[in-house]
PDB file of N, CA and C in Angstrom:
ATOM      1  N   GLU A   1      23.322  51.654  18.047  1.00  0.00           N
ATOM      2  CA  GLU A   1      22.221  51.701  17.079  1.00  0.00           C
ATOM      3  C   GLU A   1      21.034  50.903  17.583  1.00  0.00           C
ATOM      4  N   TYR A   2      19.999  51.143  17.300  1.00  0.00           N
ATOM      5  CA  TYR A   2      18.768  50.604  17.743  1.00  0.00           C
ATOM      6  C   TYR A   2      18.208  49.619  16.691  1.00  0.00           C
ATOM      7  N   ARG A   3      18.033  48.316  17.111  1.00  0.00           N
ATOM      8  CA  ARG A   3      17.588  47.272  16.263  1.00  0.00           C
ATOM      9  C   ARG A   3      16.217  46.749  16.682  1.00  0.00           C
ATOM     10  N   VAL A   4      15.330  46.410  15.750  1.00  0.00           N
ATOM     11  CA  VAL A   4      14.110  45.736  15.978  1.00  0.00           C
ATOM     12  C   VAL A   4      14.361  44.347  16.531  1.00  0.00           C
ATOM     13  N   ILE A   5      13.764  43.953  17.609  1.00  0.00           N
ATOM     14  CA  ILE A   5      13.899  42.762  18.245  1.00  0.00           C
ATOM     15  C   ILE A   5      12.975  41.631  17.481  1.00  0.00           C
ATOM     16  N   ARG A   6      11.669  42.045  17.331  1.00  0.00           N
ATOM     17  CA  ARG A   6      10.807  41.111  16.724  1.00  0.00           C
ATOM     18  C   ARG A   6       9.796  41.995  16.171  1.00  0.00           C
ATOM     19  N   PRO A   7       8.762  41.321  15.157  1.00  0.00           N
ATOM     20  CA  PRO A   7       7.719  41.939  14.621  1.00  0.00           C
ATOM     21  C   PRO A   7       6.848  42.546  15.800  1.00  0.00           C
ATOM     22  N   CYS A   8       6.204  43.753  15.614  1.00  0.00           N
ATOM     23  CA  CYS A   8       5.524  44.396  16.580  1.00  0.00           C
ATOM     24  C   CYS A   8       4.036  44.045  16.605  1.00  0.00           C
ATOM     25  N   LYS A   9       3.366  44.189  17.476  1.00  0.00           N
ATOM     26  CA  LYS A   9       1.862  44.069  17.747  1.00  0.00           C
ATOM     27  C   LYS A   9       1.284  45.486  17.387  1.00  0.00           C
ATOM     28  N   LEU A  10       0.659  45.635  16.279  1.00  0.00           N
ATOM     29  CA  LEU A  10       0.083  47.023  16.068  1.00  0.00           C
ATOM     30  C   LEU A  10      -1.148  47.190  16.941  1.00  0.00           C
ATOM     31  N   TRP A  11      -1.736  48.402  16.880  1.00  0.00           N
ATOM     32  CA  TRP A  11      -2.905  48.878  17.866  1.00  0.00           C
ATOM     33  C   TRP A  11      -4.017  48.084  17.592  1.00  0.00           C
ATOM     34  N   CYS A  12      -4.213  47.485  16.444  1.00  0.00           N
ATOM     35  CA  CYS A  12      -5.559  46.776  16.126  1.00  0.00           C
ATOM     36  C   CYS A  12      -5.395  45.326  16.548  1.00  0.00           C
ATOM     37  N   ASP A  13      -4.296  44.834  17.090  1.00  0.00           N
ATOM     38  CA  ASP A  13      -4.195  43.508  17.549  1.00  0.00           C
ATOM     39  C   ASP A  13      -4.690  43.296  19.012  1.00  0.00           C
ATOM     40  N   THR A  14      -5.801  42.646  19.315  1.00  0.00           N
ATOM     41  CA  THR A  14      -6.462  42.367  20.377  1.00  0.00           C
ATOM     42  C   THR A  14      -6.087  41.249  21.230  1.00  0.00           C
ATOM     43  N   GLU A  15      -5.083  40.541  20.839  1.00  0.00           N
ATOM     44  CA  GLU A  15      -4.603  39.431  21.483  1.00  0.00           C
ATOM     45  C   GLU A  15      -4.151  39.699  23.188  1.00  0.00           C
ATOM     46  N   SER A  16      -4.050  40.954  23.400  1.00  0.00           N
ATOM     47  CA  SER A  16      -3.664  41.447  24.670  1.00  0.00           C
ATOM     48  C   SER A  16      -4.880  41.802  25.576  1.00  0.00           C
ATOM     49  N   ALA A  17      -5.983  41.452  25.169  1.00  0.00           N
ATOM     50  CA  ALA A  17      -7.294  41.952  25.792  1.00  0.00           C
ATOM     51  C   ALA A  17      -7.190  41.381  27.316  1.00  0.00           C
ATOM     52  N   GLY A  18      -6.754  40.288  27.641  1.00  0.00           N
ATOM     53  CA  GLY A  18      -6.706  39.877  29.129  1.00  0.00           C
ATOM     54  C   GLY A  18      -5.779  40.821  29.862  1.00  0.00           C
ATOM     55  N   GLU A  19      -4.662  41.200  29.264  1.00  0.00           N
ATOM     56  CA  GLU A  19      -3.682  42.172  29.965  1.00  0.00           C
ATOM     57  C   GLU A  19      -4.397  43.539  30.112  1.00  0.00           C
ATOM     58  N   ALA A  20      -5.267  43.895  29.082  1.00  0.00           N
ATOM     59  CA  ALA A  20      -5.949  45.220  29.177  1.00  0.00           C
ATOM     60  C   ALA A  20      -6.726  45.085  30.311  1.00  0.00           C
ATOM     61  N   ALA A  21      -7.632  44.154  30.481  1.00  0.00           N
ATOM     62  CA  ALA A  21      -8.598  43.998  31.671  1.00  0.00           C
ATOM     63  C   ALA A  21      -7.749  43.940  33.042  1.00  0.00           C
ATOM     64  N   GLU A  22      -6.737  43.365  33.105  1.00  0.00           N
ATOM     65  CA  GLU A  22      -5.858  43.333  34.259  1.00  0.00           C
ATOM     66  C   GLU A  22      -5.179  44.679  34.666  1.00  0.00           C
ATOM     67  N   LEU A  23      -4.843  45.304  33.677  1.00  0.00           N
ATOM     68  CA  LEU A  23      -4.212  46.723  33.851  1.00  0.00           C
ATOM     69  C   LEU A  23      -5.316  47.650  34.307  1.00  0.00           C
ATOM     70  N   ALA A  24      -6.450  47.693  33.511  1.00  0.00           N
ATOM     71  CA  ALA A  24      -7.525  48.588  33.941  1.00  0.00           C
ATOM     72  C   ALA A  24      -7.925  48.285  35.437  1.00  0.00           C
ATOM     73  N   ALA A  25      -8.092  47.073  35.810  1.00  0.00           N
ATOM     74  CA  ALA A  25      -8.601  46.837  37.232  1.00  0.00           C
ATOM     75  C   ALA A  25      -7.498  47.277  38.279  1.00  0.00           C
ATOM     76  N   GLU A  26      -6.186  47.170  37.726  1.00  0.00           N
ATOM     77  CA  GLU A  26      -5.141  47.537  38.811  1.00  0.00           C
ATOM     78  C   GLU A  26      -5.004  49.003  38.844  1.00  0.00           C
ATOM     79  N   LEU A  27      -5.122  49.668  37.728  1.00  0.00           N
ATOM     80  CA  LEU A  27      -4.899  51.136  37.598  1.00  0.00           C
ATOM     81  C   LEU A  27      -6.235  51.867  38.085  1.00  0.00           C
ATOM     82  N   GLY A  28      -7.256  51.416  37.707  1.00  0.00           N
ATOM     83  CA  GLY A  28      -8.579  52.077  38.006  1.00  0.00           C
ATOM     84  C   GLY A  28      -8.922  53.034  36.929  1.00  0.00           C
ATOM     85  N   TRP A  29      -8.446  52.773  35.643  1.00  0.00           N
ATOM     86  CA  TRP A  29      -8.934  53.615  34.656  1.00  0.00           C
ATOM     87  C   TRP A  29      -9.002  52.704  33.330  1.00  0.00           C
ATOM     88  N   GLY A  30      -9.543  53.204  32.258  1.00  0.00           N
ATOM     89  CA  GLY A  30      -9.909  52.482  31.119  1.00  0.00           C
ATOM     90  C   GLY A  30      -8.600  52.157  30.248  1.00  0.00           C
ATOM     91  N   ILE A  31      -8.244  50.975  30.221  1.00  0.00           N
ATOM     92  CA  ILE A  31      -7.126  50.533  29.336  1.00  0.00           C
ATOM     93  C   ILE A  31      -7.758  49.596  28.302  1.00  0.00           C
ATOM     94  N   VAL A  32      -7.570  49.744  27.088  1.00  0.00           N
ATOM     95  CA  VAL A  32      -8.189  48.812  26.155  1.00  0.00           C
ATOM     96  C   VAL A  32      -7.020  48.189  25.400  1.00  0.00           C
ATOM     97  N   ALA A  33      -7.211  47.074  24.709  1.00  0.00           N
ATOM     98  CA  ALA A  33      -6.317  46.107  24.221  1.00  0.00           C
ATOM     99  C   ALA A  33      -5.396  46.860  23.079  1.00  0.00           C
ATOM    100  N   SER A  34      -5.834  47.865  22.714  1.00  0.00           N
ATOM    101  CA  SER A  34      -5.128  48.737  21.506  1.00  0.00           C
ATOM    102  C   SER A  34      -4.054  49.497  22.075  1.00  0.00           C
ATOM    103  N   PHE A  35      -3.970  49.696  23.350  1.00  0.00           N
ATOM    104  CA  PHE A  35      -2.839  50.448  24.152  1.00  0.00           C
ATOM    105  C   PHE A  35      -1.571  49.660  24.073  1.00  0.00           C
ATOM    106  N   THR A  36      -0.564  50.405  23.853  1.00  0.00           N
ATOM    107  CA  THR A  36       0.820  49.799  24.007  1.00  0.00           C
ATOM    108  C   THR A  36       1.190  49.061  25.210  1.00  0.00           C
ATOM    109  N   ALA A  37       0.659  49.542  26.358  1.00  0.00           N
ATOM    110  CA  ALA A  37       1.010  48.945  27.696  1.00  0.00           C
ATOM    111  C   ALA A  37       0.469  47.530  27.712  1.00  0.00           C
ATOM    112  N   THR A  38      -0.572  47.242  27.146  1.00  0.00           N
ATOM    113  CA  THR A  38      -1.133  45.751  27.073  1.00  0.00           C
ATOM    114  C   THR A  38      -0.149  44.968  26.206  1.00  0.00           C
ATOM    115  N   LYS A  39       0.255  45.495  25.135  1.00  0.00           N
ATOM    116  CA  LYS A  39       1.270  44.705  24.309  1.00  0.00           C
ATOM    117  C   LYS A  39       2.638  44.503  24.880  1.00  0.00           C
ATOM    118  N   LEU A  40       3.225  45.434  25.772  1.00  0.00           N
ATOM    119  CA  LEU A  40       4.391  45.177  26.514  1.00  0.00           C
ATOM    120  C   LEU A  40       4.135  44.148  27.582  1.00  0.00           C
ATOM    121  N   LEU A  41       3.022  44.166  28.329  1.00  0.00           N
ATOM    122  CA  LEU A  41       2.799  43.172  29.308  1.00  0.00           C
ATOM    123  C   LEU A  41       2.667  41.737  28.651  1.00  0.00           C
ATOM    124  N   TRP A  42       1.918  41.781  27.545  1.00  0.00           N
ATOM    125  CA  TRP A  42       1.828  40.539  26.879  1.00  0.00           C
ATOM    126  C   TRP A  42       3.108  39.992  26.368  1.00  0.00           C
ATOM    127  N   LEU A  43       4.054  40.682  25.949  1.00  0.00           N
ATOM    128  CA  LEU A  43       5.339  40.420  25.353  1.00  0.00           C
ATOM    129  C   LEU A  43       6.115  39.955  26.591  1.00  0.00           C
ATOM    130  N   LYS A  44       6.051  40.573  27.819  1.00  0.00           N
ATOM    131  CA  LYS A  44       6.843  40.181  28.858  1.00  0.00           C
ATOM    132  C   LYS A  44       6.451  38.757  29.303  1.00  0.00           C
ATOM    133  N   ARG A  45       5.145  38.349  29.229  1.00  0.00           N
ATOM    134  CA  ARG A  45       4.588  37.054  29.700  1.00  0.00           C
ATOM    135  C   ARG A  45       4.854  35.963  28.670  1.00  0.00           C
ATOM    136  N   ASN A  46       4.710  36.312  27.391  1.00  0.00           N
ATOM    137  CA  ASN A  46       4.721  35.276  26.404  1.00  0.00           C
ATOM    138  C   ASN A  46       5.940  35.154  25.631  1.00  0.00           C
ATOM    139  N   HIS A  47       6.820  36.190  25.602  1.00  0.00           N
ATOM    140  CA  HIS A  47       8.229  36.127  25.018  1.00  0.00           C
ATOM    141  C   HIS A  47       9.223  36.803  26.010  1.00  0.00           C
ATOM    142  N   PRO A  48       9.374  36.207  27.160  1.00  0.00           N
ATOM    143  CA  PRO A  48      10.275  36.962  28.070  1.00  0.00           C
ATOM    144  C   PRO A  48      11.648  37.207  27.605  1.00  0.00           C
ATOM    145  N   ASP A  49      12.261  36.323  26.731  1.00  0.00           N
ATOM    146  CA  ASP A  49      13.566  36.563  26.167  1.00  0.00           C
ATOM    147  C   ASP A  49      13.560  37.727  25.347  1.00  0.00           C
ATOM    148  N   ASP A  50      12.629  37.934  24.635  1.00  0.00           N
ATOM    149  CA  ASP A  50      12.531  39.250  23.771  1.00  0.00           C
ATOM    150  C   ASP A  50      12.304  40.486  24.567  1.00  0.00           C
ATOM    151  N   TYR A  51      11.477  40.208  25.493  1.00  0.00           N
ATOM    152  CA  TYR A  51      11.240  41.278  26.456  1.00  0.00           C
ATOM    153  C   TYR A  51      12.644  41.660  27.238  1.00  0.00           C
ATOM    154  N   GLY A  52      13.335  40.755  27.567  1.00  0.00           N
ATOM    155  CA  GLY A  52      14.528  40.954  28.282  1.00  0.00           C
ATOM    156  C   GLY A  52      15.528  41.649  27.418  1.00  0.00           C
ATOM    157  N   ARG A  53      15.581  41.573  26.225  1.00  0.00           N
ATOM    158  CA  ARG A  53      16.443  42.155  25.260  1.00  0.00           C
ATOM    159  C   ARG A  53      16.148  43.521  25.004  1.00  0.00           C
ATOM    160  N   MET A  54      14.867  43.870  25.215  1.00  0.00           N
ATOM    161  CA  MET A  54      14.379  45.193  24.773  1.00  0.00           C
ATOM    162  C   MET A  54      15.113  46.252  25.478  1.00  0.00           C
ATOM    163  N   ALA A  55      15.596  47.121  24.888  1.00  0.00           N
ATOM    164  CA  ALA A  55      16.310  48.385  25.318  1.00  0.00           C
ATOM    165  C   ALA A  55      15.497  49.669  25.331  1.00  0.00           C
ATOM    166  N   HIS A  56      14.732  49.689  24.241  1.00  0.00           N
ATOM    167  CA  HIS A  56      13.907  50.898  24.021  1.00  0.00           C
ATOM    168  C   HIS A  56      12.432  50.611  23.430  1.00  0.00           C
ATOM    169  N   VAL A  57      11.498  51.406  23.734  1.00  0.00           N
ATOM    170  CA  VAL A  57      10.140  51.171  23.224  1.00  0.00           C
ATOM    171  C   VAL A  57       9.968  52.369  22.330  1.00  0.00           C
ATOM    172  N   ALA A  58       9.388  51.834  20.989  1.00  0.00           N
ATOM    173  CA  ALA A  58       9.162  52.890  19.979  1.00  0.00           C
ATOM    174  C   ALA A  58       7.820  52.413  19.187  1.00  0.00           C
ATOM    175  N   LEU A  59       7.021  53.406  18.846  1.00  0.00           N
ATOM    176  CA  LEU A  59       5.787  53.101  18.107  1.00  0.00           C
ATOM    177  C   LEU A  59       6.451  53.014  16.653  1.00  0.00           C
ATOM    178  N   PRO A  60       5.905  52.345  15.764  1.00  0.00           N
ATOM    179  CA  PRO A  60       6.385  52.160  14.355  1.00  0.00           C
ATOM    180  C   PRO A  60       6.862  53.411  13.721  1.00  0.00           C
ATOM    181  N   HIS A  61       6.037  54.548  13.761  1.00  0.00           N
ATOM    182  CA  HIS A  61       6.465  55.751  13.151  1.00  0.00           C
ATOM    183  C   HIS A  61       7.607  56.449  13.981  1.00  0.00           C
ATOM    184  N   ASP A  62       7.685  56.155  15.294  1.00  0.00           N
ATOM    185  CA  ASP A  62       8.773  56.701  16.109  1.00  0.00           C
ATOM    186  C   ASP A  62      10.099  56.163  15.779  1.00  0.00           C
ATOM    187  N   TYR A  63      10.057  54.878  15.353  1.00  0.00           N
ATOM    188  CA  TYR A  63      11.239  54.061  14.899  1.00  0.00           C
ATOM    189  C   TYR A  63      11.735  54.680  13.614  1.00  0.00           C
ATOM    190  N   LEU A  64      10.690  54.963  12.714  1.00  0.00           N
ATOM    191  CA  LEU A  64      10.905  55.426  11.397  1.00  0.00           C
ATOM    192  C   LEU A  64      11.674  56.808  11.494  1.00  0.00           C
ATOM    193  N   ASN A  65      11.222  57.608  12.488  1.00  0.00           N
ATOM    194  CA  ASN A  65      11.576  58.976  12.604  1.00  0.00           C
ATOM    195  C   ASN A  65      13.153  58.797  13.269  1.00  0.00           C
ATOM    196  N   TYR A  66      13.438  57.793  14.085  1.00  0.00           N
ATOM    197  CA  TYR A  66      14.768  57.517  14.535  1.00  0.00           C
ATOM    198  C   TYR A  66      15.761  57.209  13.342  1.00  0.00           C
ATOM    199  N   VAL A  67      15.206  56.374  12.547  1.00  0.00           N
ATOM    200  CA  VAL A  67      16.076  55.950  11.306  1.00  0.00           C
ATOM    201  C   VAL A  67      16.337  57.262  10.468  1.00  0.00           C
ATOM    202  N   LEU A  68      15.346  57.981  10.386  1.00  0.00           N
ATOM    203  CA  LEU A  68      15.583  59.483   9.438  1.00  0.00           C
ATOM    204  C   LEU A  68      16.344  60.526  10.094  1.00  0.00           C
ATOM    205  N   THR A  69      16.193  60.589  11.471  1.00  0.00           N
ATOM    206  CA  THR A  69      16.765  61.747  12.106  1.00  0.00           C
ATOM    207  C   THR A  69      17.920  61.295  13.112  1.00  0.00           C
ATOM    208  N   GLY A  70      18.001  60.092  13.603  1.00  0.00           N
ATOM    209  CA  GLY A  70      18.770  59.713  14.728  1.00  0.00           C
ATOM    210  C   GLY A  70      18.410  59.913  16.072  1.00  0.00           C
ATOM    211  N   GLU A  71      17.282  60.459  16.272  1.00  0.00           N
ATOM    212  CA  GLU A  71      16.661  60.793  17.572  1.00  0.00           C
ATOM    213  C   GLU A  71      15.360  60.147  17.883  1.00  0.00           C
ATOM    214  N   LEU A  72      15.381  59.328  19.017  1.00  0.00           N
ATOM    215  CA  LEU A  72      14.271  58.555  19.262  1.00  0.00           C
ATOM    216  C   LEU A  72      13.375  59.335  20.332  1.00  0.00           C
ATOM    217  N   VAL A  73      12.320  59.861  19.876  1.00  0.00           N
ATOM    218  CA  VAL A  73      11.315  60.589  20.665  1.00  0.00           C
ATOM    219  C   VAL A  73       9.946  60.246  20.271  1.00  0.00           C
ATOM    220  N   MET A  74       9.007  60.578  21.347  1.00  0.00           N
ATOM    221  CA  MET A  74       7.555  60.247  21.053  1.00  0.00           C
ATOM    222  C   MET A  74       6.819  61.528  21.228  1.00  0.00           C
ATOM    223  N   GLU A  75       5.799  61.946  20.508  1.00  0.00           N
ATOM    224  CA  GLU A  75       4.956  63.068  20.589  1.00  0.00           C
ATOM    225  C   GLU A  75       3.976  62.679  21.722  1.00  0.00           C
ATOM    226  N   CYS A  76       3.512  63.644  22.563  1.00  0.00           N
ATOM    227  CA  CYS A  76       2.564  63.371  23.696  1.00  0.00           C
ATOM    228  C   CYS A  76       1.205  62.833  23.241  1.00  0.00           C
ATOM    229  N   GLY A  77       0.816  63.385  22.045  1.00  0.00           N
ATOM    230  CA  GLY A  77      -0.561  62.947  21.555  1.00  0.00           C
ATOM    231  C   GLY A  77      -0.437  61.293  21.306  1.00  0.00           C
ATOM    232  N   ASP A  78       0.620  60.931  20.585  1.00  0.00           N
ATOM    233  CA  ASP A  78       0.957  59.358  20.311  1.00  0.00           C
ATOM    234  C   ASP A  78       1.151  58.632  21.697  1.00  0.00           C
ATOM    235  N   ALA A  79       1.798  59.348  22.605  1.00  0.00           N
ATOM    236  CA  ALA A  79       2.106  58.756  23.985  1.00  0.00           C
ATOM    237  C   ALA A  79       0.706  58.369  24.614  1.00  0.00           C
ATOM    238  N   SER A  80      -0.198  59.269  24.500  1.00  0.00           N
ATOM    239  CA  SER A  80      -1.600  59.139  25.217  1.00  0.00           C
ATOM    240  C   SER A  80      -2.087  57.816  24.804  1.00  0.00           C
ATOM    241  N   GLY A  81      -1.887  57.276  23.664  1.00  0.00           N
ATOM    242  CA  GLY A  81      -2.486  55.959  23.340  1.00  0.00           C
ATOM    243  C   GLY A  81      -1.636  54.839  23.655  1.00  0.00           C
ATOM    244  N   THR A  82      -0.758  54.894  24.609  1.00  0.00           N
ATOM    245  CA  THR A  82       0.149  53.908  25.059  1.00  0.00           C
ATOM    246  C   THR A  82      -0.520  53.243  26.428  1.00  0.00           C
ATOM    247  N   GLY A  83      -1.184  54.153  26.958  1.00  0.00           N
ATOM    248  CA  GLY A  83      -1.754  53.774  28.385  1.00  0.00           C
ATOM    249  C   GLY A  83      -0.664  54.121  29.461  1.00  0.00           C
ATOM    250  N   LEU A  84       0.364  54.609  29.142  1.00  0.00           N
ATOM    251  CA  LEU A  84       1.427  54.777  30.138  1.00  0.00           C
ATOM    252  C   LEU A  84       1.606  56.354  30.366  1.00  0.00           C
ATOM    253  N   LEU A  85       0.933  57.201  29.715  1.00  0.00           N
ATOM    254  CA  LEU A  85       1.196  58.569  29.807  1.00  0.00           C
ATOM    255  C   LEU A  85       0.141  59.247  30.939  1.00  0.00           C
ATOM    256  N   ASP A  86       0.697  60.078  31.666  1.00  0.00           N
ATOM    257  CA  ASP A  86      -0.125  60.924  32.688  1.00  0.00           C
ATOM    258  C   ASP A  86      -0.338  62.144  31.887  1.00  0.00           C
ATOM    259  N   THR A  87      -1.509  62.180  31.226  1.00  0.00           N
ATOM    260  CA  THR A  87      -1.947  63.165  30.322  1.00  0.00           C
ATOM    261  C   THR A  87      -1.887  64.598  31.034  1.00  0.00           C
ATOM    262  N   SER A  88      -2.206  64.737  32.268  1.00  0.00           N
ATOM    263  CA  SER A  88      -2.185  65.999  32.973  1.00  0.00           C
ATOM    264  C   SER A  88      -0.803  66.597  33.031  1.00  0.00           C
ATOM    265  N   ALA A  89       0.125  65.791  33.365  1.00  0.00           N
ATOM    266  CA  ALA A  89       1.478  66.166  33.447  1.00  0.00           C
ATOM    267  C   ALA A  89       2.419  66.142  32.255  1.00  0.00           C
ATOM    268  N   ARG A  90       1.757  65.565  31.227  1.00  0.00           N
ATOM    269  CA  ARG A  90       2.410  65.307  29.819  1.00  0.00           C
ATOM    270  C   ARG A  90       3.795  64.615  30.141  1.00  0.00           C
ATOM    271  N   ALA A  91       3.709  63.599  31.069  1.00  0.00           N
ATOM    272  CA  ALA A  91       4.972  62.932  31.330  1.00  0.00           C
ATOM    273  C   ALA A  91       4.582  61.395  31.673  1.00  0.00           C
ATOM    274  N   TRP A  92       5.478  60.432  31.375  1.00  0.00           N
ATOM    275  CA  TRP A  92       5.201  59.158  31.709  1.00  0.00           C
ATOM    276  C   TRP A  92       4.710  58.846  33.076  1.00  0.00           C
ATOM    277  N   SER A  93       3.689  57.991  33.198  1.00  0.00           N
ATOM    278  CA  SER A  93       3.166  57.821  34.536  1.00  0.00           C
ATOM    279  C   SER A  93       3.907  56.648  35.063  1.00  0.00           C
ATOM    280  N   VAL A  94       4.474  57.106  36.188  1.00  0.00           N
ATOM    281  CA  VAL A  94       5.436  56.047  37.015  1.00  0.00           C
ATOM    282  C   VAL A  94       4.556  54.895  37.522  1.00  0.00           C
ATOM    283  N   GLU A  95       3.398  55.199  37.858  1.00  0.00           N
ATOM    284  CA  GLU A  95       2.590  54.065  38.417  1.00  0.00           C
ATOM    285  C   GLU A  95       2.160  53.202  37.301  1.00  0.00           C
ATOM    286  N   ALA A  96       1.647  53.756  36.196  1.00  0.00           N
ATOM    287  CA  ALA A  96       1.233  52.869  35.030  1.00  0.00           C
ATOM    288  C   ALA A  96       2.535  52.103  34.646  1.00  0.00           C
ATOM    289  N   VAL A  97       3.580  52.479  34.458  1.00  0.00           N
ATOM    290  CA  VAL A  97       4.836  51.893  33.988  1.00  0.00           C
ATOM    291  C   VAL A  97       5.143  50.846  34.969  1.00  0.00           C
ATOM    292  N   ALA A  98       5.219  51.107  36.257  1.00  0.00           N
ATOM    293  CA  ALA A  98       5.391  50.193  37.177  1.00  0.00           C
ATOM    294  C   ALA A  98       4.629  48.919  37.390  1.00  0.00           C
ATOM    295  N   THR A  99       3.409  48.998  36.836  1.00  0.00           N
ATOM    296  CA  THR A  99       2.480  47.826  36.863  1.00  0.00           C
ATOM    297  C   THR A  99       3.070  46.858  35.789  1.00  0.00           C
ATOM    298  N   ILE A 100       3.822  47.192  34.915  1.00  0.00           N
ATOM    299  CA  ILE A 100       4.407  46.214  34.028  1.00  0.00           C
ATOM    300  C   ILE A 100       5.731  45.940  34.468  1.00  0.00           C
ATOM    301  N   ASP A 101       6.605  46.926  34.629  1.00  0.00           N
ATOM    302  CA  ASP A 101       7.995  46.735  35.041  1.00  0.00           C
ATOM    303  C   ASP A 101       8.668  47.973  35.356  1.00  0.00           C
ATOM    304  N   GLU A 102       9.136  48.164  36.622  1.00  0.00           N
ATOM    305  CA  GLU A 102       9.775  49.407  36.943  1.00  0.00           C
ATOM    306  C   GLU A 102      10.913  49.899  36.013  1.00  0.00           C
ATOM    307  N   ALA A 103      11.705  48.936  35.478  1.00  0.00           N
ATOM    308  CA  ALA A 103      12.718  49.262  34.607  1.00  0.00           C
ATOM    309  C   ALA A 103      12.149  49.776  33.101  1.00  0.00           C
ATOM    310  N   LEU A 104      11.124  49.686  32.919  1.00  0.00           N
ATOM    311  CA  LEU A 104      10.430  50.006  31.645  1.00  0.00           C
ATOM    312  C   LEU A 104      10.636  51.573  31.488  1.00  0.00           C
ATOM    313  N   LEU A 105      10.473  52.311  32.482  1.00  0.00           N
ATOM    314  CA  LEU A 105      10.582  53.808  32.385  1.00  0.00           C
ATOM    315  C   LEU A 105      11.709  54.175  31.762  1.00  0.00           C
ATOM    316  N   GLY A 106      12.971  53.702  31.972  1.00  0.00           N
ATOM    317  CA  GLY A 106      14.059  53.925  31.348  1.00  0.00           C
ATOM    318  C   GLY A 106      14.161  53.621  29.902  1.00  0.00           C
ATOM    319  N   LYS A 107      13.245  52.794  29.450  1.00  0.00           N
ATOM    320  CA  LYS A 107      13.353  52.275  27.941  1.00  0.00           C
ATOM    321  C   LYS A 107      12.267  53.178  27.211  1.00  0.00           C
ATOM    322  N   LEU A 108      11.560  53.883  27.784  1.00  0.00           N
ATOM    323  CA  LEU A 108      10.648  54.920  26.984  1.00  0.00           C
ATOM    324  C   LEU A 108      11.363  55.926  26.399  1.00  0.00           C
ATOM    325  N   PRO A 109      10.855  56.541  25.336  1.00  0.00           N
ATOM    326  CA  PRO A 109      11.602  57.621  24.625  1.00  0.00           C
ATOM    327  C   PRO A 109      11.207  58.807  25.262  1.00  0.00           C
ATOM    328  N   ARG A 110      12.048  59.917  25.071  1.00  0.00           N
ATOM    329  CA  ARG A 110      11.796  61.401  25.549  1.00  0.00           C
ATOM    330  C   ARG A 110      10.439  61.822  24.918  1.00  0.00           C
ATOM    331  N   LEU A 111       9.654  62.465  25.677  1.00  0.00           N
ATOM    332  CA  LEU A 111       8.551  62.962  25.088  1.00  0.00           C
ATOM    333  C   LEU A 111       8.786  64.366  24.593  1.00  0.00           C
ATOM    334  N   ILE A 112       8.127  64.778  23.430  1.00  0.00           N
ATOM    335  CA  ILE A 112       8.186  65.935  22.789  1.00  0.00           C
ATOM    336  C   ILE A 112       6.792  66.621  22.624  1.00  0.00           C
TER     337      ILE A 112
END
């Protein structure tokens, strides 16, 4: 059973602006503070115990879908707003994910 570890940072939270600038510089493409990638890096740095307990990543509506259906998945359109999707391949970007944590790839939901 999947359980929420802590309150989530929603897309409109800009506390991770520093992480956004860092990821954008490292990856060479525009990453803004509203992307999930910035929130994950912020969580890893500011709440490492919670980050360490994290087994899965889900957007709020993906978690609700899991509760209703028992399946944790993410639609590619939503995944494009995470900053972790290779939009051309419609797959998670190994490079982008690795900038945060190589183990993170196994925690992202299946894309549909």
